[in-house]
Each structure stands twice: as structure tokens, then as C-alpha cells.
């Protein structure tokens, strides 16, 4: 297996993933216990995203985009800009 950095590239919409887990569990009543922890986790991720914007580090910004924590990279956001996301992530793949 080739462990080249390009082969390890993954994009995950973390916010949507959390929503999907919470809203579409096999037994939704069992997921009620996760509502509060997911809420705390979402709040923490929002704080991390705000801090990442303040720091404005290229590598950190790429990670935040890959996790869809910036509105520009969230497909359901009105701020979504797929071309910009592709451009930024393509620069990562070429490094």
C-alpha cells in the first residue's frame, strides 16, 4: 500500500456527520443521550474554527476546510464556494 500524502486526503463535513448520527440512528431514542455531548462538541468545534480564522495558518485552514468547519466549505451553507475549496485543497495535494 502506498502511504503517499495524496492517498490519505479525506474531506469530512463534521457538522453534517454529527447531525446524521444524531438524527438517523437505528434507534433514535437511544441517541437522546448524545444530544448534549454533540451540542458541546459542536460548540467546541465552532470555537476552534473561530480561533483558526484568527491564526490564519495555511495548513490549519486546509484542515478546517476538509472538516467543513468554515462556512465556505459547508455544502449546505449560503457561503459555500466549491471552486475556492477545490482551489485551496488542490494546492494541498500538490505539496
C-alpha atoms as a PDB file:
ATOM      1  CA  UNK A   1       0.000   0.000   0.000  1.00  0.00           C
ATOM      2  CA  UNK A   2       1.305   3.413  -0.968  1.00  0.00           C
ATOM      3  CA  UNK A   3       1.278   5.812   2.003  1.00  0.00           C
ATOM      4  CA  UNK A   4       1.806   8.896  -0.135  1.00  0.00           C
ATOM      5  CA  UNK A   5       0.191  12.001   1.389  1.00  0.00           C
ATOM      6  CA  UNK A   6      -2.060  12.368  -1.682  1.00  0.00           C
ATOM      7  CA  UNK A   7      -3.605   8.958  -0.996  1.00  0.00           C
ATOM      8  CA  UNK A   8      -4.541   9.965   2.545  1.00  0.00           C
ATOM      9  CA  UNK A   9      -6.631  13.018   1.577  1.00  0.00           C
ATOM     10  CA  UNK A  10     -10.123  12.920   3.078  1.00  0.00           C
ATOM     11  CA  UNK A  11     -12.836  15.557   3.379  1.00  0.00           C
ATOM     12  CA  UNK A  12     -15.406  15.172   6.154  1.00  0.00           C
ATOM     13  CA  UNK A  13     -18.321  17.503   6.833  1.00  0.00           C
ATOM     14  CA  UNK A  14     -18.100  17.110  10.613  1.00  0.00           C
ATOM     15  CA  UNK A  15     -21.214  19.153  11.403  1.00  0.00           C
ATOM     16  CA  UNK A  16     -23.361  17.158   8.977  1.00  0.00           C
ATOM     17  CA  UNK A  17     -21.846  13.924  10.250  1.00  0.00           C
ATOM     18  CA  UNK A  18     -22.875  14.755  13.807  1.00  0.00           C
ATOM     19  CA  UNK A  19     -26.383  15.683  12.631  1.00  0.00           C
ATOM     20  CA  UNK A  20     -26.645  12.477  10.635  1.00  0.00           C
ATOM     21  CA  UNK A  21     -25.594  10.332  13.578  1.00  0.00           C
ATOM     22  CA  UNK A  22     -27.980  12.069  15.938  1.00  0.00           C
ATOM     23  CA  UNK A  23     -30.996  12.268  13.627  1.00  0.00           C
ATOM     24  CA  UNK A  24     -30.793   8.961  11.798  1.00  0.00           C
ATOM     25  CA  UNK A  25     -29.610   6.406  14.292  1.00  0.00           C
ATOM     26  CA  UNK A  26     -31.014   2.904  14.066  1.00  0.00           C
ATOM     27  CA  UNK A  27     -32.759   3.536  17.360  1.00  0.00           C
ATOM     28  CA  UNK A  28     -33.240   7.323  17.600  1.00  0.00           C
ATOM     29  CA  UNK A  29     -34.490   7.105  21.185  1.00  0.00           C
ATOM     30  CA  UNK A  30     -31.097   5.681  22.144  1.00  0.00           C
ATOM     31  CA  UNK A  31     -29.378   8.737  20.673  1.00  0.00           C
ATOM     32  CA  UNK A  32     -31.049  11.127  23.113  1.00  0.00           C
ATOM     33  CA  UNK A  33     -28.118  10.571  25.463  1.00  0.00           C
ATOM     34  CA  UNK A  34     -25.787  12.051  22.822  1.00  0.00           C
ATOM     35  CA  UNK A  35     -27.740  15.255  22.188  1.00  0.00           C
ATOM     36  CA  UNK A  36     -25.970  17.242  24.912  1.00  0.00           C
ATOM     37  CA  UNK A  37     -22.440  15.890  24.229  1.00  0.00           C
ATOM     38  CA  UNK A  38     -22.902  16.551  20.499  1.00  0.00           C
ATOM     39  CA  UNK A  39     -24.050  20.069  21.334  1.00  0.00           C
ATOM     40  CA  UNK A  40     -20.940  20.668  23.442  1.00  0.00           C
ATOM     41  CA  UNK A  41     -18.740  19.174  20.727  1.00  0.00           C
ATOM     42  CA  UNK A  42     -20.334  21.392  18.071  1.00  0.00           C
ATOM     43  CA  UNK A  43     -19.799  24.465  20.260  1.00  0.00           C
ATOM     44  CA  UNK A  44     -16.170  23.495  20.803  1.00  0.00           C
ATOM     45  CA  UNK A  45     -15.634  22.972  17.066  1.00  0.00           C
ATOM     46  CA  UNK A  46     -17.123  26.428  16.408  1.00  0.00           C
ATOM     47  CA  UNK A  47     -14.624  27.922  18.868  1.00  0.00           C
ATOM     48  CA  UNK A  48     -11.780  26.038  17.178  1.00  0.00           C
ATOM     49  CA  UNK A  49     -12.917  27.368  13.787  1.00  0.00           C
ATOM     50  CA  UNK A  50     -13.045  30.945  15.087  1.00  0.00           C
ATOM     51  CA  UNK A  51      -9.547  30.591  16.541  1.00  0.00           C
ATOM     52  CA  UNK A  52      -8.258  29.080  13.305  1.00  0.00           C
ATOM     53  CA  UNK A  53      -9.563  32.136  11.436  1.00  0.00           C
ATOM     54  CA  UNK A  54      -7.676  34.373  13.880  1.00  0.00           C
ATOM     55  CA  UNK A  55      -4.460  32.376  13.452  1.00  0.00           C
ATOM     56  CA  UNK A  56      -4.871  32.231   9.643  1.00  0.00           C
ATOM     57  CA  UNK A  57      -2.338  29.441   9.122  1.00  0.00           C
ATOM     58  CA  UNK A  58      -2.459  27.900   5.628  1.00  0.00           C
ATOM     59  CA  UNK A  59      -2.159  24.297   6.823  1.00  0.00           C
ATOM     60  CA  UNK A  60      -4.710  24.783   9.603  1.00  0.00           C
ATOM     61  CA  UNK A  61      -7.118  26.453   7.184  1.00  0.00           C
ATOM     62  CA  UNK A  62      -6.873  23.450   4.850  1.00  0.00           C
ATOM     63  CA  UNK A  63      -7.690  21.092   7.712  1.00  0.00           C
ATOM     64  CA  UNK A  64     -10.635  23.241   8.730  1.00  0.00           C
ATOM     65  CA  UNK A  65     -11.889  23.203   5.129  1.00  0.00           C
ATOM     66  CA  UNK A  66     -11.504  19.426   4.944  1.00  0.00           C
ATOM     67  CA  UNK A  67     -13.666  19.122   8.065  1.00  0.00           C
ATOM     68  CA  UNK A  68     -16.151  21.643   6.592  1.00  0.00           C
ATOM     69  CA  UNK A  69     -15.829  23.841   9.659  1.00  0.00           C
ATOM     70  CA  UNK A  70     -15.642  27.033   7.611  1.00  0.00           C
ATOM     71  CA  UNK A  71     -18.944  28.090   6.058  1.00  0.00           C
ATOM     72  CA  UNK A  72     -17.221  28.436   2.678  1.00  0.00           C
ATOM     73  CA  UNK A  73     -16.657  24.670   2.727  1.00  0.00           C
ATOM     74  CA  UNK A  74     -20.069  23.570   4.067  1.00  0.00           C
ATOM     75  CA  UNK A  75     -22.130  22.419   1.075  1.00  0.00           C
ATOM     76  CA  UNK A  76     -25.420  23.476   2.730  1.00  0.00           C
ATOM     77  CA  UNK A  77     -24.184  26.973   3.603  1.00  0.00           C
ATOM     78  CA  UNK A  78     -25.142  30.039   1.593  1.00  0.00           C
ATOM     79  CA  UNK A  79     -21.439  30.990   1.830  1.00  0.00           C
ATOM     80  CA  UNK A  80     -20.351  27.752   0.127  1.00  0.00           C
ATOM     81  CA  UNK A  81     -17.784  28.276  -2.631  1.00  0.00           C
ATOM     82  CA  UNK A  82     -16.852  24.938  -4.170  1.00  0.00           C
ATOM     83  CA  UNK A  83     -14.390  26.483  -6.602  1.00  0.00           C
ATOM     84  CA  UNK A  84     -12.460  28.174  -3.795  1.00  0.00           C
ATOM     85  CA  UNK A  85     -12.478  24.976  -1.721  1.00  0.00           C
ATOM     86  CA  UNK A  86     -11.211  22.949  -4.684  1.00  0.00           C
ATOM     87  CA  UNK A  87      -8.505  25.531  -5.373  1.00  0.00           C
ATOM     88  CA  UNK A  88      -7.276  25.537  -1.768  1.00  0.00           C
ATOM     89  CA  UNK A  89      -7.378  21.759  -1.432  1.00  0.00           C
ATOM     90  CA  UNK A  90      -5.689  21.278  -4.812  1.00  0.00           C
ATOM     91  CA  UNK A  91      -2.781  23.369  -3.533  1.00  0.00           C
ATOM     92  CA  UNK A  92      -2.523  20.910  -0.607  1.00  0.00           C
ATOM     93  CA  UNK A  93      -2.479  17.886  -2.911  1.00  0.00           C
ATOM     94  CA  UNK A  94       0.340  19.436  -4.953  1.00  0.00           C
ATOM     95  CA  UNK A  95       2.626  19.987  -1.956  1.00  0.00           C
END
